[in-house]
Amino acid sequence: MYAQDDMQDAKVSLSFSEDTDTKTITATVTDQNGLAAEEVELSFFVKRTFSLLKIGDGFNETDEDGVVEVAFPSDLPGDAEGNVTIIVKILDNDLYNDLSVETIKKWGVPTIINDDKDERSLWAAAANAPITLIISVTGMIFVIWFIILYIIFSFYKISKIKPLNL
C-alpha cells in the first residue's frame, strides 16, 4: 500500500460513439504527465432518482493505452427529453486519488410525464383516490362500527338479565 502523499491525480476524458445498434462510452485515463495509466479500474454509472445504476462489466480496467470501453444499455429511461447523467469514477486505487467525472448525454429513452392531477390513482391525493378503494374502506369502517355497537348492545342485554333464585 502506498502512503497518501505518493498518490497523484489522474485525468479521465470521455468520448462517445453511437452506431445504429450500440452506444459506447470510451474513457481514457492519463496521469499528471499525460502518460497512459494502465490497469486503472473505472466504474461507470448512470444517475437515477435515488442512487447510481452501475453499467458495464464488473471490472472495467484500462488497457496499456489507458483506454476502456463500455456498452451503454439501449433501454435505459431518461428524463422527458431522454437525457441521462453518466458518471465515471476511479475508486480505491493505489496510485491515483478518487475521481468522479459527470456528463449529460441524450441516450436515454424519453419518459412521458403525466401532469394530469385530476386522474384517480393509488398514489394520488385523498380527493383523487379510486372509487373502489373509497367504497371498500368506508364499508370496512361501517362493518367495524356495527360489530362494536353490537357488542355494546349485547353487554347491555346481558346486564338486564335477572339472576335465578334457586
N, C-alpha and C. Protein backbone atom coordinates (compact mmCIF):
# COMPACT_ATOMS: atom_id res chain seq x y z
N MET A 1 0.85 -1.18 0.00
CA MET A 1 0.00 0.00 0.00
C MET A 1 0.89 1.23 0.00
N TYR A 2 0.51 2.24 -0.74
CA TYR A 2 1.28 3.47 -0.84
C TYR A 2 0.81 4.46 0.20
N ALA A 3 1.68 5.36 0.58
CA ALA A 3 1.30 6.42 1.51
C ALA A 3 0.42 7.42 0.79
N GLN A 4 -0.35 8.17 1.56
CA GLN A 4 -1.28 9.14 0.98
C GLN A 4 -0.54 10.19 0.15
N ASP A 5 0.70 10.53 0.53
CA ASP A 5 1.46 11.55 -0.19
C ASP A 5 1.92 11.08 -1.55
N ASP A 6 2.06 9.75 -1.74
CA ASP A 6 2.53 9.21 -3.01
C ASP A 6 1.45 9.18 -4.08
N MET A 7 0.20 9.36 -3.69
CA MET A 7 -0.89 9.28 -4.65
C MET A 7 -0.96 10.57 -5.47
N GLN A 8 -1.35 10.41 -6.73
CA GLN A 8 -1.45 11.57 -7.61
C GLN A 8 -2.82 11.63 -8.25
N ASP A 9 -3.11 12.74 -8.88
CA ASP A 9 -4.39 12.92 -9.56
C ASP A 9 -4.29 12.37 -10.98
N ALA A 10 -5.34 11.73 -11.39
CA ALA A 10 -5.44 11.23 -12.77
C ALA A 10 -6.40 12.13 -13.53
N LYS A 11 -6.35 12.01 -14.84
CA LYS A 11 -7.26 12.76 -15.70
C LYS A 11 -8.04 11.74 -16.53
N VAL A 12 -9.38 11.88 -16.50
CA VAL A 12 -10.23 10.97 -17.27
C VAL A 12 -10.95 11.79 -18.33
N SER A 13 -10.78 11.40 -19.58
CA SER A 13 -11.51 12.05 -20.66
C SER A 13 -12.47 11.02 -21.27
N LEU A 14 -13.67 11.50 -21.57
CA LEU A 14 -14.71 10.62 -22.10
C LEU A 14 -15.00 10.96 -23.54
N SER A 15 -15.27 9.92 -24.33
CA SER A 15 -15.76 10.11 -25.69
C SER A 15 -16.90 9.12 -25.90
N PHE A 16 -17.79 9.50 -26.79
CA PHE A 16 -19.00 8.70 -27.00
C PHE A 16 -19.13 8.38 -28.47
N SER A 17 -19.51 7.14 -28.76
CA SER A 17 -19.76 6.74 -30.14
C SER A 17 -21.09 6.03 -30.21
N GLU A 18 -21.75 6.21 -31.33
CA GLU A 18 -23.10 5.67 -31.48
C GLU A 18 -23.25 5.08 -32.87
N ASP A 19 -23.60 3.79 -32.89
CA ASP A 19 -23.93 3.12 -34.14
C ASP A 19 -25.44 2.95 -34.17
N THR A 20 -25.93 2.24 -35.16
CA THR A 20 -27.37 2.01 -35.25
C THR A 20 -27.86 1.11 -34.12
N ASP A 21 -27.03 0.17 -33.68
CA ASP A 21 -27.45 -0.79 -32.65
C ASP A 21 -26.83 -0.53 -31.28
N THR A 22 -25.62 0.00 -31.24
CA THR A 22 -24.91 0.12 -29.97
C THR A 22 -24.45 1.54 -29.69
N LYS A 23 -24.37 1.84 -28.40
CA LYS A 23 -23.82 3.10 -27.92
C LYS A 23 -22.66 2.74 -27.01
N THR A 24 -21.52 3.39 -27.21
CA THR A 24 -20.31 3.03 -26.48
C THR A 24 -19.71 4.25 -25.81
N ILE A 25 -19.32 4.06 -24.54
CA ILE A 25 -18.60 5.10 -23.80
C ILE A 25 -17.14 4.67 -23.75
N THR A 26 -16.25 5.56 -24.17
CA THR A 26 -14.82 5.29 -24.14
C THR A 26 -14.17 6.25 -23.16
N ALA A 27 -13.49 5.71 -22.16
CA ALA A 27 -12.80 6.53 -21.17
C ALA A 27 -11.30 6.34 -21.34
N THR A 28 -10.57 7.46 -21.34
CA THR A 28 -9.12 7.44 -21.44
C THR A 28 -8.56 8.05 -20.17
N VAL A 29 -7.68 7.30 -19.50
CA VAL A 29 -7.10 7.75 -18.23
C VAL A 29 -5.62 8.05 -18.46
N THR A 30 -5.22 9.25 -18.04
CA THR A 30 -3.82 9.64 -18.10
C THR A 30 -3.38 10.15 -16.74
N ASP A 31 -2.07 10.10 -16.48
CA ASP A 31 -1.56 10.63 -15.23
C ASP A 31 -1.27 12.12 -15.38
N GLN A 32 -0.60 12.71 -14.39
CA GLN A 32 -0.35 14.15 -14.41
C GLN A 32 0.60 14.56 -15.54
N ASN A 33 1.43 13.63 -16.00
CA ASN A 33 2.38 13.92 -17.07
C ASN A 33 1.81 13.67 -18.46
N GLY A 34 0.56 13.19 -18.52
CA GLY A 34 -0.06 12.91 -19.81
C GLY A 34 0.22 11.51 -20.32
N LEU A 35 0.82 10.67 -19.51
CA LEU A 35 1.10 9.30 -19.92
C LEU A 35 -0.11 8.42 -19.62
N ALA A 36 -0.30 7.39 -20.43
CA ALA A 36 -1.44 6.49 -20.26
C ALA A 36 -1.33 5.75 -18.93
N ALA A 37 -2.44 5.71 -18.22
CA ALA A 37 -2.50 5.00 -16.94
C ALA A 37 -3.03 3.60 -17.19
N GLU A 38 -2.19 2.60 -16.95
CA GLU A 38 -2.53 1.21 -17.24
C GLU A 38 -3.10 0.54 -16.00
N GLU A 39 -4.07 -0.37 -16.22
CA GLU A 39 -4.70 -1.18 -15.18
C GLU A 39 -5.35 -0.35 -14.08
N VAL A 40 -6.04 0.70 -14.47
CA VAL A 40 -6.83 1.50 -13.53
C VAL A 40 -8.28 1.05 -13.67
N GLU A 41 -8.87 0.69 -12.55
CA GLU A 41 -10.25 0.22 -12.58
C GLU A 41 -11.21 1.42 -12.54
N LEU A 42 -12.10 1.47 -13.52
CA LEU A 42 -13.10 2.53 -13.61
C LEU A 42 -14.48 1.94 -13.36
N SER A 43 -15.33 2.71 -12.71
CA SER A 43 -16.72 2.32 -12.50
C SER A 43 -17.60 3.27 -13.29
N PHE A 44 -18.52 2.71 -14.06
CA PHE A 44 -19.43 3.50 -14.88
C PHE A 44 -20.83 3.43 -14.27
N PHE A 45 -21.46 4.60 -14.12
CA PHE A 45 -22.78 4.68 -13.51
C PHE A 45 -23.69 5.59 -14.33
N VAL A 46 -24.99 5.39 -14.14
CA VAL A 46 -26.00 6.31 -14.65
C VAL A 46 -26.78 6.80 -13.43
N LYS A 47 -26.94 8.10 -13.32
CA LYS A 47 -27.63 8.67 -12.17
C LYS A 47 -29.12 8.41 -12.29
N ARG A 48 -29.67 7.80 -11.22
CA ARG A 48 -31.11 7.55 -11.14
C ARG A 48 -31.68 8.46 -10.07
N THR A 49 -32.94 8.32 -9.75
CA THR A 49 -33.60 9.21 -8.80
C THR A 49 -32.98 9.15 -7.41
N PHE A 50 -32.74 7.94 -6.89
CA PHE A 50 -32.27 7.81 -5.52
C PHE A 50 -30.87 7.22 -5.40
N SER A 51 -30.28 6.76 -6.46
CA SER A 51 -28.96 6.14 -6.37
C SER A 51 -28.30 6.14 -7.75
N LEU A 52 -27.17 5.45 -7.82
CA LEU A 52 -26.46 5.31 -9.08
C LEU A 52 -26.63 3.88 -9.59
N LEU A 53 -26.93 3.75 -10.88
CA LEU A 53 -27.08 2.45 -11.52
C LEU A 53 -25.78 2.10 -12.21
N LYS A 54 -25.17 1.00 -11.80
CA LYS A 54 -23.89 0.60 -12.40
C LYS A 54 -24.13 0.00 -13.78
N ILE A 55 -23.33 0.41 -14.74
CA ILE A 55 -23.40 -0.15 -16.08
C ILE A 55 -22.03 -0.71 -16.43
N GLY A 56 -21.98 -1.50 -17.46
CA GLY A 56 -20.71 -2.08 -17.88
C GLY A 56 -20.45 -3.40 -17.17
N ASP A 57 -19.24 -3.92 -17.35
CA ASP A 57 -18.84 -5.17 -16.73
C ASP A 57 -18.55 -4.96 -15.26
N GLY A 58 -18.33 -6.06 -14.55
CA GLY A 58 -17.97 -5.97 -13.14
C GLY A 58 -16.64 -5.28 -12.94
N PHE A 59 -15.67 -5.57 -13.82
CA PHE A 59 -14.35 -4.95 -13.74
C PHE A 59 -14.05 -4.29 -15.08
N ASN A 60 -13.82 -3.00 -15.04
CA ASN A 60 -13.51 -2.23 -16.24
C ASN A 60 -12.12 -1.63 -16.05
N GLU A 61 -11.09 -2.36 -16.48
CA GLU A 61 -9.72 -1.89 -16.32
C GLU A 61 -9.21 -1.34 -17.63
N THR A 62 -8.38 -0.30 -17.49
CA THR A 62 -7.79 0.29 -18.68
C THR A 62 -6.71 -0.63 -19.24
N ASP A 63 -6.53 -0.55 -20.55
CA ASP A 63 -5.50 -1.36 -21.20
C ASP A 63 -4.17 -0.60 -21.16
N GLU A 64 -3.19 -1.05 -21.94
CA GLU A 64 -1.87 -0.41 -21.93
C GLU A 64 -1.91 1.02 -22.49
N ASP A 65 -2.96 1.36 -23.24
CA ASP A 65 -3.11 2.72 -23.76
C ASP A 65 -3.94 3.60 -22.82
N GLY A 66 -4.38 3.05 -21.69
CA GLY A 66 -5.18 3.81 -20.73
C GLY A 66 -6.63 3.96 -21.15
N VAL A 67 -7.11 3.05 -21.99
CA VAL A 67 -8.46 3.16 -22.57
C VAL A 67 -9.32 1.98 -22.10
N VAL A 68 -10.58 2.29 -21.81
CA VAL A 68 -11.57 1.25 -21.52
C VAL A 68 -12.87 1.64 -22.20
N GLU A 69 -13.56 0.66 -22.77
CA GLU A 69 -14.83 0.89 -23.45
C GLU A 69 -15.94 0.13 -22.76
N VAL A 70 -17.12 0.78 -22.65
CA VAL A 70 -18.28 0.17 -22.02
C VAL A 70 -19.48 0.40 -22.92
N ALA A 71 -20.27 -0.65 -23.10
CA ALA A 71 -21.51 -0.52 -23.89
C ALA A 71 -22.59 0.10 -23.01
N PHE A 72 -23.33 1.05 -23.57
CA PHE A 72 -24.41 1.70 -22.85
C PHE A 72 -25.72 0.97 -23.16
N PRO A 73 -26.54 0.67 -22.13
CA PRO A 73 -27.80 -0.03 -22.39
C PRO A 73 -28.75 0.82 -23.24
N SER A 74 -29.41 0.19 -24.18
CA SER A 74 -30.26 0.94 -25.11
C SER A 74 -31.68 1.18 -24.57
N ASP A 75 -32.05 0.52 -23.47
CA ASP A 75 -33.42 0.63 -22.97
C ASP A 75 -33.51 1.39 -21.65
N LEU A 76 -32.52 2.18 -21.32
CA LEU A 76 -32.49 2.91 -20.06
C LEU A 76 -33.33 4.18 -20.14
N PRO A 77 -34.30 4.36 -19.24
CA PRO A 77 -35.13 5.58 -19.31
C PRO A 77 -34.36 6.81 -18.87
N GLY A 78 -34.65 7.91 -19.53
CA GLY A 78 -34.06 9.19 -19.17
C GLY A 78 -35.14 10.15 -18.72
N ASP A 79 -34.88 11.44 -18.83
CA ASP A 79 -35.90 12.42 -18.47
C ASP A 79 -36.85 12.62 -19.66
N ALA A 80 -37.62 13.69 -19.65
CA ALA A 80 -38.61 13.92 -20.70
C ALA A 80 -37.97 14.06 -22.09
N GLU A 81 -36.73 14.57 -22.12
CA GLU A 81 -36.02 14.72 -23.40
C GLU A 81 -35.13 13.53 -23.73
N GLY A 82 -34.97 12.59 -22.78
CA GLY A 82 -34.11 11.44 -23.00
C GLY A 82 -32.71 11.64 -22.46
N ASN A 83 -32.46 12.69 -21.68
CA ASN A 83 -31.13 12.95 -21.13
C ASN A 83 -30.86 12.04 -19.94
N VAL A 84 -29.63 11.52 -19.87
CA VAL A 84 -29.17 10.75 -18.72
C VAL A 84 -27.83 11.32 -18.28
N THR A 85 -27.55 11.25 -16.98
CA THR A 85 -26.27 11.70 -16.45
C THR A 85 -25.37 10.48 -16.30
N ILE A 86 -24.26 10.49 -17.03
CA ILE A 86 -23.31 9.39 -16.99
C ILE A 86 -22.16 9.80 -16.08
N ILE A 87 -21.81 8.91 -15.14
CA ILE A 87 -20.76 9.20 -14.17
C ILE A 87 -19.70 8.11 -14.28
N VAL A 88 -18.45 8.54 -14.35
CA VAL A 88 -17.32 7.62 -14.38
C VAL A 88 -16.46 7.93 -13.17
N LYS A 89 -16.12 6.90 -12.40
CA LYS A 89 -15.38 7.10 -11.16
C LYS A 89 -14.14 6.21 -11.09
N ILE A 90 -13.09 6.77 -10.48
CA ILE A 90 -11.94 5.99 -10.04
C ILE A 90 -12.10 5.89 -8.53
N LEU A 91 -12.22 4.66 -8.02
CA LEU A 91 -12.42 4.44 -6.60
C LEU A 91 -11.38 3.48 -6.05
N ASP A 92 -10.86 3.77 -4.88
CA ASP A 92 -9.95 2.87 -4.15
C ASP A 92 -8.79 2.38 -5.00
N ASN A 93 -8.08 3.30 -5.61
CA ASN A 93 -6.92 2.94 -6.41
C ASN A 93 -5.67 3.19 -5.59
N ASP A 94 -4.64 2.37 -5.79
CA ASP A 94 -3.40 2.50 -5.02
C ASP A 94 -2.53 3.66 -5.50
N LEU A 95 -2.65 4.03 -6.78
CA LEU A 95 -1.78 5.07 -7.33
C LEU A 95 -2.46 6.42 -7.48
N TYR A 96 -3.78 6.42 -7.68
CA TYR A 96 -4.47 7.66 -8.01
C TYR A 96 -5.55 7.97 -6.97
N ASN A 97 -5.77 9.25 -6.76
CA ASN A 97 -6.83 9.71 -5.87
C ASN A 97 -8.20 9.40 -6.48
N ASP A 98 -9.20 9.32 -5.63
CA ASP A 98 -10.57 9.11 -6.12
C ASP A 98 -10.98 10.26 -7.02
N LEU A 99 -11.72 9.93 -8.07
CA LEU A 99 -12.11 10.93 -9.06
C LEU A 99 -13.48 10.59 -9.60
N SER A 100 -14.25 11.62 -9.91
CA SER A 100 -15.57 11.42 -10.49
C SER A 100 -15.76 12.40 -11.63
N VAL A 101 -16.20 11.89 -12.77
CA VAL A 101 -16.46 12.71 -13.95
C VAL A 101 -17.91 12.50 -14.36
N GLU A 102 -18.65 13.61 -14.51
CA GLU A 102 -20.06 13.54 -14.90
C GLU A 102 -20.26 14.22 -16.24
N THR A 103 -21.16 13.66 -17.02
CA THR A 103 -21.57 14.29 -18.27
C THR A 103 -23.02 13.91 -18.57
N ILE A 104 -23.71 14.79 -19.25
CA ILE A 104 -25.10 14.54 -19.62
C ILE A 104 -25.15 14.21 -21.10
N LYS A 105 -25.81 13.11 -21.40
CA LYS A 105 -25.91 12.65 -22.79
C LYS A 105 -27.37 12.32 -23.09
N LYS A 106 -27.79 12.57 -24.30
CA LYS A 106 -29.18 12.30 -24.73
C LYS A 106 -29.28 10.88 -25.29
N TRP A 107 -29.02 9.89 -24.41
CA TRP A 107 -29.01 8.49 -24.82
C TRP A 107 -30.13 7.69 -24.18
N GLY A 108 -30.91 8.27 -23.32
CA GLY A 108 -31.97 7.54 -22.64
C GLY A 108 -33.26 7.52 -23.44
N VAL A 109 -34.16 6.67 -23.03
CA VAL A 109 -35.49 6.63 -23.62
C VAL A 109 -36.31 7.74 -22.96
N PRO A 110 -36.90 8.64 -23.74
CA PRO A 110 -37.68 9.73 -23.13
C PRO A 110 -38.83 9.20 -22.28
N THR A 111 -38.98 9.78 -21.10
CA THR A 111 -40.03 9.39 -20.17
C THR A 111 -41.19 10.36 -20.30
N ILE A 112 -42.37 9.83 -20.45
CA ILE A 112 -43.57 10.67 -20.57
C ILE A 112 -44.04 11.00 -19.17
N ILE A 113 -44.11 12.29 -18.87
CA ILE A 113 -44.56 12.73 -17.56
C ILE A 113 -46.02 13.11 -17.66
N ASN A 114 -46.84 12.46 -16.83
CA ASN A 114 -48.28 12.72 -16.83
C ASN A 114 -48.58 13.74 -15.76
N ASP A 115 -48.91 14.96 -16.15
CA ASP A 115 -49.21 16.03 -15.20
C ASP A 115 -50.70 16.18 -14.95
N ASP A 116 -51.48 15.18 -15.33
CA ASP A 116 -52.92 15.25 -15.13
C ASP A 116 -53.22 15.00 -13.65
N LYS A 117 -53.42 16.08 -12.90
CA LYS A 117 -53.59 15.99 -11.46
C LYS A 117 -54.98 15.48 -11.07
N ASP A 118 -55.96 15.51 -11.96
CA ASP A 118 -57.32 15.09 -11.65
C ASP A 118 -57.53 13.59 -11.84
N GLU A 119 -56.53 12.89 -12.27
CA GLU A 119 -56.68 11.46 -12.53
C GLU A 119 -56.69 10.68 -11.21
N ARG A 120 -57.60 9.72 -11.12
CA ARG A 120 -57.69 8.89 -9.91
C ARG A 120 -56.63 7.79 -9.98
N SER A 121 -55.84 7.68 -8.91
CA SER A 121 -54.82 6.64 -8.82
C SER A 121 -54.48 6.40 -7.37
N LEU A 122 -53.82 5.27 -7.09
CA LEU A 122 -53.48 4.92 -5.72
C LEU A 122 -52.53 5.92 -5.09
N TRP A 123 -51.66 6.53 -5.87
CA TRP A 123 -50.67 7.46 -5.33
C TRP A 123 -51.14 8.90 -5.36
N ALA A 124 -52.38 9.13 -5.78
CA ALA A 124 -52.93 10.48 -5.84
C ALA A 124 -53.34 10.93 -4.43
N ALA A 125 -53.70 12.20 -4.31
CA ALA A 125 -54.19 12.73 -3.05
C ALA A 125 -55.52 12.06 -2.69
N ALA A 126 -55.94 12.23 -1.44
CA ALA A 126 -57.16 11.55 -0.97
C ALA A 126 -58.38 11.91 -1.80
N ALA A 127 -58.45 13.14 -2.28
CA ALA A 127 -59.60 13.56 -3.07
C ALA A 127 -59.65 12.83 -4.42
N ASN A 128 -58.51 12.29 -4.87
CA ASN A 128 -58.47 11.62 -6.18
C ASN A 128 -58.21 10.12 -6.05
N ALA A 129 -58.53 9.55 -4.88
CA ALA A 129 -58.36 8.11 -4.69
C ALA A 129 -59.37 7.36 -5.57
N PRO A 130 -59.06 6.13 -5.95
CA PRO A 130 -60.01 5.35 -6.76
C PRO A 130 -61.32 5.11 -6.01
N ILE A 131 -62.41 5.15 -6.75
CA ILE A 131 -63.75 4.99 -6.17
C ILE A 131 -63.87 3.64 -5.44
N THR A 132 -63.34 2.57 -6.04
CA THR A 132 -63.43 1.25 -5.41
C THR A 132 -62.70 1.23 -4.08
N LEU A 133 -61.58 1.92 -3.97
CA LEU A 133 -60.85 1.99 -2.72
C LEU A 133 -61.65 2.75 -1.66
N ILE A 134 -62.26 3.85 -2.05
CA ILE A 134 -63.07 4.64 -1.11
C ILE A 134 -64.25 3.81 -0.61
N ILE A 135 -64.94 3.10 -1.51
CA ILE A 135 -66.09 2.27 -1.12
C ILE A 135 -65.63 1.13 -0.20
N SER A 136 -64.52 0.47 -0.53
CA SER A 136 -64.02 -0.64 0.29
C SER A 136 -63.67 -0.17 1.70
N VAL A 137 -62.94 0.91 1.82
CA VAL A 137 -62.51 1.40 3.13
C VAL A 137 -63.73 1.87 3.93
N THR A 138 -64.63 2.58 3.31
CA THR A 138 -65.84 3.04 4.00
C THR A 138 -66.67 1.85 4.47
N GLY A 139 -66.82 0.83 3.66
CA GLY A 139 -67.55 -0.37 4.04
C GLY A 139 -66.91 -1.07 5.23
N MET A 140 -65.59 -1.19 5.21
CA MET A 140 -64.90 -1.82 6.33
C MET A 140 -65.10 -1.03 7.62
N ILE A 141 -65.07 0.29 7.55
CA ILE A 141 -65.28 1.12 8.74
C ILE A 141 -66.70 0.91 9.28
N PHE A 142 -67.70 0.88 8.41
CA PHE A 142 -69.08 0.64 8.85
C PHE A 142 -69.23 -0.74 9.50
N VAL A 143 -68.61 -1.77 8.92
CA VAL A 143 -68.69 -3.12 9.48
C VAL A 143 -68.04 -3.15 10.86
N ILE A 144 -66.91 -2.53 11.03
CA ILE A 144 -66.23 -2.50 12.33
C ILE A 144 -67.09 -1.79 13.37
N TRP A 145 -67.66 -0.64 13.00
CA TRP A 145 -68.52 0.08 13.96
C TRP A 145 -69.79 -0.72 14.27
N PHE A 146 -70.33 -1.43 13.31
CA PHE A 146 -71.50 -2.28 13.56
C PHE A 146 -71.17 -3.36 14.59
N ILE A 147 -70.00 -3.98 14.43
CA ILE A 147 -69.59 -5.03 15.38
C ILE A 147 -69.38 -4.44 16.77
N ILE A 148 -68.76 -3.28 16.87
CA ILE A 148 -68.55 -2.64 18.18
C ILE A 148 -69.90 -2.32 18.83
N LEU A 149 -70.82 -1.73 18.08
CA LEU A 149 -72.13 -1.40 18.63
C LEU A 149 -72.92 -2.66 19.00
N TYR A 150 -72.81 -3.73 18.23
CA TYR A 150 -73.47 -4.99 18.56
C TYR A 150 -72.94 -5.56 19.86
N ILE A 151 -71.64 -5.50 20.07
CA ILE A 151 -71.05 -5.99 21.32
C ILE A 151 -71.55 -5.16 22.51
N ILE A 152 -71.58 -3.85 22.37
CA ILE A 152 -72.09 -2.98 23.44
C ILE A 152 -73.56 -3.30 23.73
N PHE A 153 -74.36 -3.47 22.68
CA PHE A 153 -75.77 -3.80 22.86
C PHE A 153 -75.92 -5.16 23.55
N SER A 154 -75.09 -6.13 23.20
CA SER A 154 -75.13 -7.46 23.83
C SER A 154 -74.77 -7.36 25.31
N PHE A 155 -73.78 -6.55 25.65
CA PHE A 155 -73.44 -6.34 27.06
C PHE A 155 -74.61 -5.70 27.82
N TYR A 156 -75.28 -4.79 27.17
CA TYR A 156 -76.43 -4.14 27.80
C TYR A 156 -77.54 -5.17 28.07
N LYS A 157 -77.83 -6.05 27.10
CA LYS A 157 -78.85 -7.08 27.27
C LYS A 157 -78.45 -8.07 28.38
N ILE A 158 -77.17 -8.39 28.43
CA ILE A 158 -76.70 -9.30 29.48
C ILE A 158 -76.87 -8.67 30.86
N SER A 159 -76.61 -7.38 30.94
CA SER A 159 -76.73 -6.71 32.25
C SER A 159 -78.18 -6.63 32.72
N LYS A 160 -79.15 -6.72 31.85
CA LYS A 160 -80.57 -6.65 32.21
C LYS A 160 -81.15 -8.01 32.60
N ILE A 161 -80.42 -9.06 32.39
CA ILE A 161 -80.90 -10.39 32.76
C ILE A 161 -80.84 -10.52 34.28
N LYS A 162 -81.96 -10.98 34.86
CA LYS A 162 -82.06 -11.13 36.30
C LYS A 162 -81.53 -12.50 36.69
N PRO A 163 -80.81 -12.57 37.81
CA PRO A 163 -80.28 -13.85 38.24
C PRO A 163 -81.38 -14.79 38.70
N LEU A 164 -81.20 -16.06 38.59
CA LEU A 164 -82.16 -17.08 39.03
C LEU A 164 -82.04 -17.28 40.52
N ASN A 165 -83.16 -17.35 41.15
CA ASN A 165 -83.15 -17.64 42.58
C ASN A 165 -83.41 -19.12 42.78
N LEU A 166 -82.49 -19.81 43.24
CA LEU A 166 -82.65 -21.23 43.48
C LEU A 166 -82.91 -21.54 44.92
